N, C-alpha and C. Protein backbone atom coordinates (compact mmCIF):
# COMPACT_ATOMS: atom_id res chain seq x y z
N MET A 1 99.48 14.93 16.54
CA MET A 1 98.39 15.37 15.67
C MET A 1 97.06 14.73 16.10
N SER A 2 97.11 13.41 16.42
CA SER A 2 95.91 12.71 16.83
C SER A 2 95.33 13.30 18.11
N ILE A 3 96.21 13.64 19.07
CA ILE A 3 95.75 14.22 20.34
C ILE A 3 95.08 15.56 20.08
N THR A 4 95.67 16.36 19.17
CA THR A 4 95.10 17.67 18.84
C THR A 4 93.72 17.52 18.23
N VAL A 5 93.56 16.56 17.32
CA VAL A 5 92.26 16.32 16.69
C VAL A 5 91.24 15.87 17.72
N ASP A 6 91.64 14.98 18.64
CA ASP A 6 90.73 14.50 19.68
C ASP A 6 90.26 15.63 20.57
N ILE A 7 91.18 16.52 20.95
CA ILE A 7 90.81 17.67 21.79
C ILE A 7 89.85 18.58 21.05
N MET A 8 90.10 18.80 19.76
CA MET A 8 89.20 19.63 18.96
C MET A 8 87.81 19.01 18.87
N GLU A 9 87.75 17.68 18.71
CA GLU A 9 86.47 16.99 18.68
C GLU A 9 85.72 17.18 19.99
N PHE A 10 86.44 17.06 21.10
CA PHE A 10 85.82 17.18 22.41
C PHE A 10 85.25 18.58 22.62
N PHE A 11 86.03 19.61 22.29
CA PHE A 11 85.55 20.97 22.50
C PHE A 11 84.42 21.33 21.53
N TYR A 12 84.46 20.74 20.33
CA TYR A 12 83.37 20.97 19.39
C TYR A 12 82.08 20.38 19.93
N LEU A 13 82.15 19.15 20.43
CA LEU A 13 80.97 18.52 21.01
C LEU A 13 80.50 19.27 22.26
N SER A 14 81.44 19.81 23.01
CA SER A 14 81.08 20.56 24.22
C SER A 14 80.28 21.81 23.88
N THR A 15 80.62 22.46 22.76
CA THR A 15 79.86 23.64 22.35
C THR A 15 78.43 23.27 21.97
N LEU A 16 78.24 22.04 21.47
CA LEU A 16 76.89 21.59 21.16
C LEU A 16 76.05 21.50 22.42
N ILE A 17 76.66 21.07 23.53
CA ILE A 17 75.93 20.98 24.79
C ILE A 17 75.43 22.35 25.21
N SER A 18 76.31 23.34 25.15
CA SER A 18 75.94 24.69 25.57
C SER A 18 74.80 25.24 24.72
N GLY A 19 74.92 25.07 23.39
CA GLY A 19 73.88 25.56 22.49
C GLY A 19 72.57 24.82 22.67
N ALA A 20 72.66 23.50 22.83
CA ALA A 20 71.45 22.70 23.01
C ALA A 20 70.74 23.06 24.32
N GLN A 21 71.52 23.32 25.37
CA GLN A 21 70.91 23.66 26.65
C GLN A 21 70.15 24.98 26.57
N LYS A 22 70.73 25.98 25.93
CA LYS A 22 70.06 27.27 25.79
C LYS A 22 68.76 27.12 25.00
N THR A 23 68.82 26.33 23.90
CA THR A 23 67.64 26.12 23.08
C THR A 23 66.57 25.36 23.85
N ALA A 24 66.97 24.34 24.58
CA ALA A 24 66.02 23.54 25.36
C ALA A 24 65.33 24.38 26.43
N LEU A 25 66.10 25.22 27.11
CA LEU A 25 65.52 26.09 28.13
C LEU A 25 64.51 27.04 27.52
N HIS A 26 64.83 27.58 26.35
CA HIS A 26 63.93 28.51 25.68
C HIS A 26 62.64 27.82 25.29
N LEU A 27 62.75 26.65 24.65
CA LEU A 27 61.57 25.94 24.19
C LEU A 27 60.71 25.47 25.35
N SER A 28 61.35 24.95 26.39
CA SER A 28 60.59 24.42 27.51
C SER A 28 59.88 25.54 28.26
N SER A 29 60.52 26.69 28.39
CA SER A 29 59.88 27.81 29.08
C SER A 29 58.69 28.33 28.28
N ARG A 30 58.79 28.28 26.96
CA ARG A 30 57.66 28.69 26.12
C ARG A 30 56.50 27.73 26.27
N ALA A 31 56.83 26.44 26.41
CA ALA A 31 55.78 25.43 26.51
C ALA A 31 55.02 25.52 27.84
N GLU A 32 55.72 25.92 28.89
CA GLU A 32 55.08 25.93 30.20
C GLU A 32 54.61 27.32 30.64
N GLY A 33 54.90 28.34 29.83
CA GLY A 33 54.40 29.67 30.13
C GLY A 33 54.96 30.23 31.42
N ASN A 34 54.08 30.50 32.37
CA ASN A 34 54.51 31.12 33.61
C ASN A 34 55.26 30.17 34.54
N ASN A 35 55.15 28.87 34.29
CA ASN A 35 55.81 27.89 35.16
C ASN A 35 57.25 27.67 34.70
N MET A 36 58.00 28.76 34.56
CA MET A 36 59.33 28.71 33.97
C MET A 36 60.34 28.03 34.89
N LEU A 37 60.18 28.22 36.20
CA LEU A 37 61.12 27.58 37.13
C LEU A 37 61.08 26.07 36.98
N SER A 38 59.87 25.52 36.87
CA SER A 38 59.73 24.08 36.69
C SER A 38 60.34 23.64 35.37
N ALA A 39 60.15 24.44 34.32
CA ALA A 39 60.72 24.11 33.01
C ALA A 39 62.24 24.10 33.08
N ASN A 40 62.82 25.13 33.69
CA ASN A 40 64.28 25.20 33.81
C ASN A 40 64.82 24.02 34.62
N THR A 41 64.11 23.69 35.68
CA THR A 41 64.55 22.58 36.53
C THR A 41 64.56 21.28 35.75
N ARG A 42 63.50 21.03 35.00
CA ARG A 42 63.41 19.79 34.23
C ARG A 42 64.51 19.72 33.17
N VAL A 43 64.75 20.81 32.49
CA VAL A 43 65.79 20.83 31.46
C VAL A 43 67.16 20.60 32.08
N ASN A 44 67.44 21.29 33.18
CA ASN A 44 68.75 21.14 33.83
C ASN A 44 68.96 19.73 34.36
N ILE A 45 67.90 19.13 34.92
CA ILE A 45 68.01 17.76 35.40
C ILE A 45 68.28 16.81 34.24
N SER A 46 67.60 17.03 33.11
CA SER A 46 67.81 16.17 31.94
C SER A 46 69.24 16.29 31.43
N PHE A 47 69.77 17.50 31.38
CA PHE A 47 71.16 17.70 30.95
C PHE A 47 72.12 17.04 31.93
N ALA A 48 71.85 17.19 33.22
CA ALA A 48 72.74 16.59 34.22
C ALA A 48 72.75 15.07 34.09
N LEU A 49 71.57 14.47 33.89
CA LEU A 49 71.50 13.02 33.73
C LEU A 49 72.24 12.56 32.48
N ALA A 50 72.06 13.31 31.38
CA ALA A 50 72.74 12.95 30.13
C ALA A 50 74.26 13.04 30.29
N ILE A 51 74.73 14.08 30.96
CA ILE A 51 76.17 14.25 31.15
C ILE A 51 76.74 13.17 32.05
N VAL A 52 76.06 12.91 33.18
CA VAL A 52 76.54 11.88 34.11
C VAL A 52 76.54 10.51 33.44
N LEU A 53 75.43 10.17 32.76
CA LEU A 53 75.34 8.88 32.09
C LEU A 53 76.41 8.73 31.01
N GLY A 54 76.60 9.77 30.20
CA GLY A 54 77.60 9.72 29.15
C GLY A 54 79.01 9.58 29.69
N CYS A 55 79.32 10.35 30.72
CA CYS A 55 80.66 10.26 31.32
C CYS A 55 80.92 8.88 31.92
N LEU A 56 79.90 8.32 32.58
CA LEU A 56 80.05 6.98 33.15
C LEU A 56 80.26 5.93 32.07
N ILE A 57 79.49 6.04 30.98
CA ILE A 57 79.66 5.09 29.87
C ILE A 57 81.06 5.20 29.29
N GLY A 58 81.50 6.44 29.01
CA GLY A 58 82.84 6.63 28.45
C GLY A 58 83.94 6.16 29.37
N TRP A 59 83.79 6.44 30.66
CA TRP A 59 84.80 6.05 31.65
C TRP A 59 84.86 4.53 31.81
N GLU A 60 83.71 3.89 32.02
CA GLU A 60 83.68 2.46 32.29
C GLU A 60 84.14 1.64 31.08
N ILE A 61 83.61 1.96 29.92
CA ILE A 61 83.94 1.16 28.74
C ILE A 61 85.39 1.34 28.33
N ALA A 62 85.96 2.50 28.61
CA ALA A 62 87.37 2.73 28.26
C ALA A 62 88.29 1.75 28.96
N PHE A 63 87.85 1.17 30.07
CA PHE A 63 88.68 0.23 30.82
C PHE A 63 88.33 -1.24 30.52
N PHE A 64 87.37 -1.48 29.63
CA PHE A 64 87.06 -2.85 29.26
C PHE A 64 88.27 -3.48 28.57
N LYS A 65 88.50 -4.76 28.85
CA LYS A 65 89.61 -5.45 28.18
C LYS A 65 89.33 -5.62 26.70
N GLU A 66 88.06 -5.86 26.37
CA GLU A 66 87.66 -5.99 24.96
C GLU A 66 86.30 -5.37 24.79
N PHE A 67 86.19 -4.44 23.84
CA PHE A 67 84.94 -3.73 23.63
C PHE A 67 84.60 -3.72 22.14
N LYS A 68 83.39 -4.21 21.83
CA LYS A 68 82.86 -4.18 20.47
C LYS A 68 81.79 -3.09 20.41
N PHE A 69 82.06 -2.06 19.64
CA PHE A 69 81.16 -0.90 19.64
C PHE A 69 79.75 -1.27 19.21
N TYR A 70 79.62 -2.28 18.33
CA TYR A 70 78.29 -2.62 17.82
C TYR A 70 77.40 -3.24 18.89
N LYS A 71 77.99 -3.77 19.95
CA LYS A 71 77.16 -4.29 21.04
C LYS A 71 76.46 -3.15 21.78
N LEU A 72 77.17 -2.05 21.98
CA LEU A 72 76.55 -0.87 22.60
C LEU A 72 75.53 -0.24 21.66
N ILE A 73 75.81 -0.26 20.36
CA ILE A 73 74.86 0.22 19.36
C ILE A 73 73.58 -0.60 19.43
N ASN A 74 73.71 -1.91 19.55
CA ASN A 74 72.54 -2.79 19.61
C ASN A 74 71.71 -2.52 20.86
N ILE A 75 72.37 -2.33 22.00
CA ILE A 75 71.65 -2.02 23.24
C ILE A 75 70.90 -0.69 23.09
N THR A 76 71.55 0.28 22.47
CA THR A 76 70.89 1.57 22.23
C THR A 76 69.65 1.40 21.37
N GLY A 77 69.75 0.59 20.33
CA GLY A 77 68.61 0.33 19.46
C GLY A 77 67.45 -0.32 20.19
N LEU A 78 67.75 -1.30 21.05
CA LEU A 78 66.72 -1.96 21.84
C LEU A 78 66.03 -0.98 22.79
N PHE A 79 66.81 -0.07 23.38
CA PHE A 79 66.26 0.93 24.29
C PHE A 79 65.32 1.88 23.55
N TYR A 80 65.72 2.32 22.36
CA TYR A 80 64.85 3.19 21.56
C TYR A 80 63.57 2.46 21.16
N ASP A 81 63.69 1.19 20.79
CA ASP A 81 62.51 0.41 20.42
C ASP A 81 61.53 0.29 21.59
N LEU A 82 62.07 0.08 22.79
CA LEU A 82 61.22 -0.05 23.97
C LEU A 82 60.43 1.22 24.22
N ILE A 83 61.11 2.36 24.15
CA ILE A 83 60.41 3.65 24.36
C ILE A 83 59.36 3.85 23.29
N ALA A 84 59.68 3.51 22.04
CA ALA A 84 58.74 3.68 20.93
C ALA A 84 57.49 2.82 21.13
N VAL A 85 57.67 1.59 21.57
CA VAL A 85 56.53 0.70 21.80
C VAL A 85 55.62 1.27 22.88
N VAL A 86 56.21 1.79 23.94
CA VAL A 86 55.40 2.39 25.02
C VAL A 86 54.62 3.60 24.51
N LEU A 87 55.29 4.45 23.73
CA LEU A 87 54.62 5.64 23.20
C LEU A 87 53.51 5.28 22.23
N LEU A 88 53.73 4.28 21.40
CA LEU A 88 52.76 3.92 20.38
C LEU A 88 51.63 3.03 20.90
N SER A 89 51.80 2.48 22.09
CA SER A 89 50.81 1.52 22.58
C SER A 89 50.03 2.01 23.79
N TYR A 90 50.74 2.40 24.83
CA TYR A 90 50.09 2.61 26.13
C TYR A 90 49.68 4.04 26.40
N THR A 91 50.27 5.01 25.72
CA THR A 91 49.96 6.41 26.02
C THR A 91 48.64 6.87 25.43
N PHE A 92 48.04 6.10 24.54
CA PHE A 92 46.82 6.54 23.88
C PHE A 92 45.59 6.44 24.79
N PHE A 93 45.76 5.83 25.93
CA PHE A 93 44.66 5.75 26.89
C PHE A 93 44.62 6.97 27.81
N LEU A 94 45.57 7.86 27.65
CA LEU A 94 45.66 9.03 28.53
C LEU A 94 44.86 10.20 27.96
N LYS A 95 44.65 11.21 28.79
CA LYS A 95 43.96 12.42 28.35
C LYS A 95 44.85 13.21 27.40
N ASP A 96 44.21 14.04 26.55
CA ASP A 96 44.96 14.81 25.57
C ASP A 96 45.95 15.76 26.23
N SER A 97 45.57 16.35 27.36
CA SER A 97 46.47 17.28 28.05
C SER A 97 47.74 16.56 28.53
N VAL A 98 47.57 15.33 28.99
CA VAL A 98 48.71 14.54 29.44
C VAL A 98 49.55 14.11 28.24
N LYS A 99 48.89 13.73 27.15
CA LYS A 99 49.60 13.34 25.93
C LYS A 99 50.47 14.49 25.43
N ALA A 100 49.92 15.71 25.46
CA ALA A 100 50.68 16.87 24.97
C ALA A 100 51.93 17.09 25.81
N GLN A 101 51.81 16.96 27.13
CA GLN A 101 52.96 17.12 28.01
C GLN A 101 54.00 16.03 27.77
N ILE A 102 53.53 14.78 27.60
CA ILE A 102 54.46 13.68 27.34
C ILE A 102 55.18 13.89 26.02
N ALA A 103 54.43 14.27 24.98
CA ALA A 103 55.04 14.50 23.67
C ALA A 103 56.11 15.57 23.73
N HIS A 104 55.81 16.66 24.44
CA HIS A 104 56.77 17.76 24.51
C HIS A 104 58.03 17.35 25.27
N PHE A 105 57.88 16.76 26.43
CA PHE A 105 59.05 16.50 27.26
C PHE A 105 59.85 15.28 26.80
N ILE A 106 59.19 14.27 26.22
CA ILE A 106 59.95 13.17 25.64
C ILE A 106 60.76 13.67 24.44
N ALA A 107 60.13 14.52 23.61
CA ALA A 107 60.85 15.10 22.47
C ALA A 107 62.01 15.96 22.95
N LEU A 108 61.79 16.73 24.01
CA LEU A 108 62.84 17.59 24.54
C LEU A 108 64.00 16.75 25.10
N ILE A 109 63.67 15.71 25.86
CA ILE A 109 64.70 14.83 26.42
C ILE A 109 65.46 14.13 25.30
N PHE A 110 64.74 13.72 24.25
CA PHE A 110 65.37 13.09 23.10
C PHE A 110 66.40 14.02 22.46
N LEU A 111 66.03 15.28 22.29
CA LEU A 111 66.96 16.25 21.70
C LEU A 111 68.16 16.50 22.62
N ILE A 112 67.89 16.59 23.91
CA ILE A 112 68.97 16.82 24.88
C ILE A 112 69.97 15.66 24.87
N PHE A 113 69.46 14.44 24.93
CA PHE A 113 70.35 13.28 24.96
C PHE A 113 71.07 13.11 23.62
N SER A 114 70.40 13.41 22.51
CA SER A 114 71.04 13.26 21.19
C SER A 114 72.22 14.20 21.03
N SER A 115 72.12 15.39 21.63
CA SER A 115 73.20 16.38 21.48
C SER A 115 74.25 16.28 22.58
N THR A 116 73.83 15.83 23.77
CA THR A 116 74.72 15.87 24.94
C THR A 116 75.45 14.55 25.17
N LEU A 117 74.77 13.42 24.96
CA LEU A 117 75.37 12.13 25.28
C LEU A 117 76.68 11.88 24.54
N PRO A 118 76.79 12.16 23.22
CA PRO A 118 78.08 11.93 22.55
C PRO A 118 79.22 12.74 23.16
N ALA A 119 78.95 14.00 23.49
CA ALA A 119 79.99 14.84 24.09
C ALA A 119 80.38 14.34 25.47
N ALA A 120 79.38 13.90 26.25
CA ALA A 120 79.66 13.40 27.60
C ALA A 120 80.46 12.10 27.54
N ILE A 121 80.10 11.21 26.61
CA ILE A 121 80.87 9.97 26.44
C ILE A 121 82.30 10.30 26.03
N SER A 122 82.44 11.28 25.15
CA SER A 122 83.77 11.70 24.72
C SER A 122 84.58 12.23 25.89
N GLY A 123 83.95 13.03 26.77
CA GLY A 123 84.64 13.55 27.94
C GLY A 123 85.08 12.45 28.89
N GLY A 124 84.17 11.50 29.18
CA GLY A 124 84.53 10.38 30.05
C GLY A 124 85.61 9.50 29.44
N MET A 125 85.56 9.33 28.14
CA MET A 125 86.54 8.52 27.43
C MET A 125 87.94 9.13 27.49
N TYR A 126 88.04 10.42 27.22
CA TYR A 126 89.35 11.08 27.24
C TYR A 126 89.90 11.19 28.66
N LEU A 127 89.01 11.37 29.64
CA LEU A 127 89.46 11.39 31.02
C LEU A 127 90.01 10.02 31.42
N ALA A 128 89.32 8.96 31.01
CA ALA A 128 89.78 7.60 31.31
C ALA A 128 91.11 7.30 30.63
N SER A 129 91.32 7.88 29.45
CA SER A 129 92.58 7.62 28.73
C SER A 129 93.79 8.16 29.49
N LEU A 130 93.57 9.17 30.33
CA LEU A 130 94.66 9.71 31.14
C LEU A 130 95.06 8.76 32.25
N PHE A 131 94.15 7.80 32.57
CA PHE A 131 94.41 6.84 33.64
C PHE A 131 94.58 5.42 33.10
N GLY A 132 94.87 5.31 31.82
CA GLY A 132 95.17 4.01 31.24
C GLY A 132 94.05 3.35 30.47
N GLY A 133 92.91 4.01 30.32
CA GLY A 133 91.82 3.45 29.53
C GLY A 133 92.21 3.37 28.07
N GLY A 134 91.96 2.21 27.44
CA GLY A 134 92.48 2.02 26.09
C GLY A 134 91.47 1.80 25.00
N ASN A 135 90.17 1.78 25.31
CA ASN A 135 89.17 1.50 24.28
C ASN A 135 88.67 2.79 23.61
N ILE A 136 89.60 3.62 23.19
CA ILE A 136 89.23 4.91 22.61
C ILE A 136 88.58 4.75 21.24
N GLU A 137 89.18 3.95 20.39
CA GLU A 137 88.70 3.83 19.02
C GLU A 137 87.30 3.22 18.97
N GLY A 138 87.06 2.20 19.82
CA GLY A 138 85.74 1.60 19.84
C GLY A 138 84.66 2.58 20.26
N LEU A 139 84.95 3.39 21.26
CA LEU A 139 83.99 4.39 21.72
C LEU A 139 83.79 5.49 20.68
N LYS A 140 84.86 5.85 20.00
CA LYS A 140 84.73 6.86 18.94
C LYS A 140 83.84 6.34 17.81
N SER A 141 83.96 5.06 17.49
CA SER A 141 83.10 4.47 16.46
C SER A 141 81.64 4.53 16.89
N PHE A 142 81.37 4.24 18.17
CA PHE A 142 80.01 4.33 18.68
C PHE A 142 79.48 5.75 18.55
N ILE A 143 80.30 6.73 18.95
CA ILE A 143 79.88 8.13 18.88
C ILE A 143 79.56 8.54 17.45
N TYR A 144 80.40 8.15 16.50
CA TYR A 144 80.18 8.53 15.10
C TYR A 144 78.86 7.95 14.58
N PHE A 145 78.61 6.67 14.86
CA PHE A 145 77.38 6.05 14.39
C PHE A 145 76.16 6.61 15.11
N PHE A 146 76.29 6.89 16.40
CA PHE A 146 75.18 7.47 17.16
C PHE A 146 74.79 8.82 16.58
N VAL A 147 75.78 9.67 16.31
CA VAL A 147 75.50 10.99 15.74
C VAL A 147 74.93 10.86 14.34
N ALA A 148 75.48 9.94 13.53
CA ALA A 148 75.02 9.77 12.15
C ALA A 148 73.55 9.36 12.09
N VAL A 149 73.14 8.47 12.99
CA VAL A 149 71.75 8.01 13.01
C VAL A 149 70.83 9.07 13.62
N SER A 150 71.33 9.85 14.56
CA SER A 150 70.49 10.78 15.33
C SER A 150 70.27 12.11 14.64
N ILE A 151 71.16 12.52 13.76
CA ILE A 151 71.14 13.92 13.29
C ILE A 151 69.89 14.25 12.49
N VAL A 152 69.48 13.37 11.57
CA VAL A 152 68.30 13.66 10.76
C VAL A 152 67.02 13.58 11.59
N PRO A 153 66.79 12.51 12.38
CA PRO A 153 65.58 12.49 13.23
C PRO A 153 65.52 13.65 14.22
N SER A 154 66.67 14.03 14.79
CA SER A 154 66.69 15.16 15.72
C SER A 154 66.26 16.45 15.03
N THR A 155 66.75 16.65 13.82
CA THR A 155 66.35 17.83 13.04
C THR A 155 64.86 17.81 12.74
N ARG A 156 64.36 16.62 12.41
CA ARG A 156 62.93 16.46 12.13
C ARG A 156 62.08 16.82 13.35
N ILE A 157 62.45 16.30 14.50
CA ILE A 157 61.69 16.58 15.72
C ILE A 157 61.78 18.06 16.08
N TYR A 158 62.98 18.64 15.95
CA TYR A 158 63.20 20.03 16.36
C TYR A 158 62.42 21.01 15.49
N THR A 159 62.31 20.72 14.19
CA THR A 159 61.69 21.67 13.26
C THR A 159 60.21 21.37 13.00
N SER A 160 59.65 20.37 13.67
CA SER A 160 58.26 20.01 13.43
C SER A 160 57.40 20.36 14.64
N PRO A 161 56.07 20.33 14.49
CA PRO A 161 55.18 20.60 15.63
C PRO A 161 55.16 19.48 16.67
N VAL A 162 56.00 18.46 16.52
CA VAL A 162 56.04 17.40 17.51
C VAL A 162 56.51 17.95 18.85
N LEU A 163 57.54 18.81 18.82
CA LEU A 163 58.07 19.39 20.04
C LEU A 163 57.13 20.47 20.57
N GLU A 164 56.74 21.38 19.70
CA GLU A 164 55.79 22.45 20.05
C GLU A 164 55.25 23.01 18.75
N PRO A 165 54.12 23.75 18.78
CA PRO A 165 53.58 24.33 17.55
C PRO A 165 54.62 25.18 16.82
N VAL A 166 54.69 25.03 15.51
CA VAL A 166 55.61 25.80 14.69
C VAL A 166 54.79 26.77 13.85
N SER A 167 55.03 28.08 14.03
CA SER A 167 54.25 29.12 13.36
C SER A 167 52.77 28.90 13.68
N SER A 168 51.95 28.77 12.62
CA SER A 168 50.51 28.56 12.85
C SER A 168 50.14 27.10 12.74
N LYS A 169 51.13 26.22 12.58
CA LYS A 169 50.88 24.80 12.38
C LYS A 169 51.03 24.05 13.69
N SER A 170 50.08 23.17 13.96
CA SER A 170 50.17 22.36 15.18
C SER A 170 49.55 20.99 14.91
N TYR A 171 49.95 20.01 15.70
CA TYR A 171 49.41 18.66 15.60
C TYR A 171 48.62 18.33 16.86
N GLU A 172 47.66 17.44 16.69
CA GLU A 172 46.96 16.90 17.85
C GLU A 172 47.94 16.09 18.70
N PRO A 173 47.73 16.02 20.03
CA PRO A 173 48.64 15.27 20.90
C PRO A 173 48.86 13.82 20.46
N THR A 174 47.79 13.17 19.98
CA THR A 174 47.93 11.78 19.54
C THR A 174 48.86 11.68 18.34
N LYS A 175 48.74 12.61 17.38
CA LYS A 175 49.60 12.58 16.20
C LYS A 175 51.04 12.89 16.58
N ARG A 176 51.24 13.79 17.54
CA ARG A 176 52.60 14.10 17.99
C ARG A 176 53.26 12.86 18.57
N LEU A 177 52.51 12.09 19.37
CA LEU A 177 53.05 10.86 19.95
C LEU A 177 53.30 9.81 18.87
N GLN A 178 52.43 9.74 17.87
CA GLN A 178 52.62 8.78 16.78
C GLN A 178 53.90 9.08 16.01
N ILE A 179 54.12 10.36 15.69
CA ILE A 179 55.32 10.73 14.96
C ILE A 179 56.56 10.47 15.79
N LEU A 180 56.52 10.88 17.06
CA LEU A 180 57.67 10.69 17.94
C LEU A 180 57.98 9.21 18.12
N GLY A 181 56.94 8.39 18.36
CA GLY A 181 57.15 6.96 18.51
C GLY A 181 57.69 6.32 17.25
N SER A 182 57.18 6.76 16.09
CA SER A 182 57.65 6.21 14.81
C SER A 182 59.11 6.56 14.55
N VAL A 183 59.49 7.79 14.88
CA VAL A 183 60.89 8.21 14.70
C VAL A 183 61.82 7.39 15.59
N LEU A 184 61.43 7.21 16.85
CA LEU A 184 62.25 6.43 17.77
C LEU A 184 62.32 4.97 17.34
N LEU A 185 61.21 4.43 16.81
CA LEU A 185 61.21 3.05 16.33
C LEU A 185 62.13 2.89 15.13
N PHE A 186 62.08 3.85 14.20
CA PHE A 186 62.98 3.83 13.04
C PHE A 186 64.44 3.89 13.48
N MET A 187 64.73 4.76 14.43
CA MET A 187 66.11 4.87 14.92
C MET A 187 66.57 3.58 15.59
N GLY A 188 65.66 2.96 16.37
CA GLY A 188 66.00 1.69 17.01
C GLY A 188 66.36 0.63 16.00
N PHE A 189 65.54 0.54 14.92
CA PHE A 189 65.83 -0.42 13.86
C PHE A 189 67.15 -0.10 13.18
N ALA A 190 67.39 1.20 12.94
CA ALA A 190 68.63 1.61 12.27
C ALA A 190 69.85 1.22 13.10
N PHE A 191 69.80 1.48 14.40
CA PHE A 191 70.91 1.09 15.28
C PHE A 191 71.13 -0.42 15.25
N GLN A 192 70.06 -1.19 15.28
CA GLN A 192 70.20 -2.65 15.30
C GLN A 192 70.72 -3.20 13.98
N ILE A 193 70.31 -2.59 12.87
CA ILE A 193 70.82 -3.01 11.56
C ILE A 193 72.32 -2.72 11.46
N ILE A 194 72.73 -1.55 11.93
CA ILE A 194 74.16 -1.21 11.92
C ILE A 194 74.95 -2.20 12.77
N ALA A 195 74.41 -2.52 13.94
CA ALA A 195 75.09 -3.46 14.83
C ALA A 195 75.20 -4.83 14.18
N ALA A 196 74.13 -5.29 13.54
CA ALA A 196 74.15 -6.60 12.89
C ALA A 196 75.15 -6.63 11.74
N LEU A 197 75.17 -5.57 10.93
CA LEU A 197 76.11 -5.52 9.80
C LEU A 197 77.56 -5.47 10.29
N ALA A 198 77.81 -4.68 11.34
CA ALA A 198 79.18 -4.59 11.88
C ALA A 198 79.63 -5.93 12.42
N ASP A 199 78.74 -6.63 13.10
CA ASP A 199 79.05 -7.96 13.62
C ASP A 199 79.30 -8.94 12.48
N PHE A 200 78.48 -8.87 11.45
CA PHE A 200 78.59 -9.77 10.31
C PHE A 200 79.94 -9.59 9.59
N PHE A 201 80.28 -8.34 9.28
CA PHE A 201 81.51 -8.11 8.52
C PHE A 201 82.76 -8.36 9.36
N GLU A 202 82.66 -8.19 10.68
CA GLU A 202 83.81 -8.49 11.52
C GLU A 202 84.11 -9.98 11.57
N ASN A 203 83.05 -10.78 11.50
CA ASN A 203 83.22 -12.23 11.63
C ASN A 203 83.15 -12.96 10.28
N ALA A 204 83.03 -12.18 9.19
CA ALA A 204 82.92 -12.81 7.86
C ALA A 204 84.25 -13.46 7.47
């Protein structure tokens, strides 16, 4: 029964990759207009990187002798905080046209990684389990918390003018970067709080 549930989880997450890729290609092509080949290339490269990175994480960690999922959660939080600080601090010296491009593609990459990375980690994890990898439960805990923290911010970014203008509503490039940076900073803090609480209760 457990194997059946795991397979269903994997295929469910895999369908998210397919749907997210189609949506990303559509949005990116709209943003770049006639430069559609470049948009498709960027989206496909982002998906490829997310899949490769996720599979490597799932494969490598599955063979760890001891794995604490909250340590990976904490690293994820620190990474999100770093990106947020860069967006909120250093990008404001750039031209508005450059800011708009950064806001669009960072938001797009964020959505791609939020939807693809959990499925890719799941794929690498289950593949490793066929060769003796045993840290399945720890990785599954990471995936659950990653999705739980990411789902609301991802929806916010996707449905707001941060990614691209929605209907007749649009934001200035600076405001788009502020919102995107704030969302990533909030997520970074959320990941770190979860990691701290998990560590605390495990050692209490």
